[in-house]
Amino acid sequence: MRNEPVDKPANAKPANGETSFDRVVASKAARKLRVQREGTQSAWFGLGMSGLIGWSVAVPSLCGVLLGLWLDTKYPGRFSWTLALLFAGLFIGCLNAWHWVSQQDRDMHREDSADDKGASSKEKNDA
């Protein structure tokens, strides 16, 4: 028989007596308290946010089309300014939407980590 290290069970308690389950429960409790404090957001809020993302893509695309149509009438050429600027506007709009969504995601994770830290420090004070 070999001398292999024995893995600790998943529910083994760390030195401070707090399990991962305790941390998850504390995190969810802190998140629930924060939502109760700040008020819940309705379905209209979610629809508004998705509309905001849609407009952040649509507006640059439409601006590209309008500028392209004007350029096609003023400076006709071998390629279509309308099509080229439509894709440029679409690209810019998608970058804009990606930036906005990633910023919201960072803010949400930052709030969650702050809640986790607050919940764990509160548990240490209660112990």
Protein backbone atom coordinates (compact mmCIF):
# COMPACT_ATOMS: atom_id res chain seq x y z
CA MET A 1 0.00 0.00 0.00
CA ARG A 2 1.32 3.42 -0.93
CA ASN A 3 1.57 6.45 1.29
CA GLU A 4 -0.67 8.80 -0.66
CA PRO A 5 -2.13 11.94 0.84
CA VAL A 6 -5.73 11.50 1.82
CA ASP A 7 -8.04 14.11 0.35
CA LYS A 8 -10.07 16.05 2.84
CA PRO A 9 -13.83 15.66 2.46
CA ALA A 10 -15.64 18.53 0.79
CA ASN A 11 -17.44 19.40 4.01
CA ALA A 12 -14.28 19.54 6.15
CA LYS A 13 -14.16 22.62 8.34
CA PRO A 14 -11.31 25.07 7.98
CA ALA A 15 -9.38 26.26 11.01
CA ASN A 16 -11.82 29.09 11.76
CA GLY A 17 -14.80 26.69 11.80
CA GLU A 18 -16.50 28.16 8.74
CA THR A 19 -17.47 25.81 5.90
CA SER A 20 -17.98 26.71 2.26
CA PHE A 21 -21.69 26.11 2.82
CA ASP A 22 -21.64 28.75 5.56
CA ARG A 23 -20.01 31.23 3.18
CA VAL A 24 -22.56 30.54 0.44
CA VAL A 25 -25.48 30.96 2.84
CA ALA A 26 -24.00 34.17 4.26
CA SER A 27 -23.47 35.52 0.75
CA LYS A 28 -27.04 34.79 -0.30
CA ALA A 29 -28.41 36.26 2.93
CA ALA A 30 -26.40 39.45 2.44
CA ARG A 31 -27.58 39.71 -1.18
CA LYS A 32 -31.19 39.23 -0.07
CA LEU A 33 -30.85 41.94 2.58
CA ARG A 34 -29.31 44.32 0.04
CA VAL A 35 -32.20 43.75 -2.37
CA GLN A 36 -34.72 44.33 0.43
CA ARG A 37 -32.90 47.54 1.39
CA GLU A 38 -32.66 48.88 -2.15
CA GLY A 39 -36.02 47.61 -3.35
CA THR A 40 -36.71 45.06 -6.02
CA GLN A 41 -36.46 45.86 -9.70
CA SER A 42 -39.44 45.06 -11.84
CA ALA A 43 -39.61 43.27 -15.16
CA TRP A 44 -39.90 46.70 -16.79
CA PHE A 45 -36.41 47.49 -15.54
CA GLY A 46 -35.03 44.40 -17.29
CA LEU A 47 -36.89 45.25 -20.49
CA GLY A 48 -35.56 48.79 -20.30
CA MET A 49 -32.00 47.52 -19.95
CA SER A 50 -32.37 45.21 -22.95
CA GLY A 51 -33.87 48.13 -24.88
CA LEU A 52 -30.91 50.27 -23.93
CA ILE A 53 -28.53 47.65 -25.30
CA GLY A 54 -30.60 47.41 -28.49
CA TRP A 55 -30.52 51.16 -29.02
CA SER A 56 -26.78 51.24 -28.38
CA VAL A 57 -26.40 48.94 -31.40
CA ALA A 58 -29.19 50.41 -33.57
CA VAL A 59 -28.25 54.09 -33.37
CA PRO A 60 -24.65 53.76 -34.66
CA SER A 61 -25.88 51.36 -37.37
CA LEU A 62 -28.54 53.80 -38.55
CA CYS A 63 -26.09 56.70 -38.45
CA GLY A 64 -23.72 54.65 -40.60
CA VAL A 65 -26.50 53.93 -43.10
CA LEU A 66 -27.58 57.57 -43.30
CA LEU A 67 -24.01 58.79 -43.75
CA GLY A 68 -23.42 56.06 -46.32
CA LEU A 69 -26.51 57.04 -48.32
CA TRP A 70 -25.37 60.65 -48.37
CA LEU A 71 -21.85 59.67 -49.43
CA ASP A 72 -23.23 57.36 -52.16
CA THR A 73 -25.20 60.26 -53.67
CA LYS A 74 -22.31 62.76 -53.41
CA TYR A 75 -19.38 60.46 -54.26
CA PRO A 76 -20.54 57.39 -56.18
CA GLY A 77 -17.88 54.72 -56.55
CA ARG A 78 -17.17 51.07 -57.13
CA PHE A 79 -18.21 50.07 -53.62
CA SER A 80 -21.21 50.99 -51.52
CA TRP A 81 -20.56 53.51 -48.78
CA THR A 82 -23.92 52.55 -47.28
CA LEU A 83 -22.99 48.91 -46.82
CA ALA A 84 -19.48 49.69 -45.56
CA LEU A 85 -20.70 52.23 -43.00
CA LEU A 86 -23.57 49.96 -41.95
CA PHE A 87 -21.02 47.34 -40.92
CA ALA A 88 -18.82 49.97 -39.28
CA GLY A 89 -21.79 51.27 -37.28
CA LEU A 90 -22.82 47.74 -36.35
CA PHE A 91 -19.29 47.00 -35.15
CA ILE A 92 -19.14 50.20 -33.10
CA GLY A 93 -22.60 49.51 -31.63
CA CYS A 94 -21.65 45.97 -30.64
CA LEU A 95 -18.47 47.25 -28.98
CA ASN A 96 -20.54 49.85 -27.14
CA ALA A 97 -23.04 47.21 -25.94
CA TRP A 98 -20.23 44.84 -24.92
CA HIS A 99 -18.52 47.59 -22.94
CA TRP A 100 -21.75 48.54 -21.16
CA VAL A 101 -22.66 44.94 -20.28
CA SER A 102 -19.16 44.13 -19.01
CA GLN A 103 -19.21 47.29 -16.87
CA GLN A 104 -22.55 46.28 -15.36
CA ASP A 105 -21.20 42.77 -14.74
CA ARG A 106 -18.11 44.16 -12.98
CA ASP A 107 -20.28 46.41 -10.80
CA MET A 108 -22.55 43.50 -9.91
CA HIS A 109 -19.60 41.27 -8.97
CA ARG A 110 -18.02 44.08 -6.98
CA GLU A 111 -21.23 44.46 -4.96
CA ASP A 112 -21.41 40.69 -4.40
CA SER A 113 -17.81 40.54 -3.19
CA ALA A 114 -18.46 43.48 -0.86
CA ASP A 115 -21.50 41.64 0.49
CA ASP A 116 -19.44 38.49 0.98
CA LYS A 117 -16.76 40.38 2.88
CA GLY A 118 -19.36 42.12 5.01
CA ALA A 119 -21.13 38.86 5.82
CA SER A 120 -17.92 37.02 6.75
CA SER A 121 -16.69 39.85 8.97
CA LYS A 122 -20.09 39.98 10.68
CA GLU A 123 -19.93 36.24 11.35
CA LYS A 124 -16.45 36.63 12.84
CA ASN A 125 -17.73 39.40 15.13
CA ASP A 126 -20.70 37.26 16.18
CA ALA A 127 -18.47 34.28 17.06
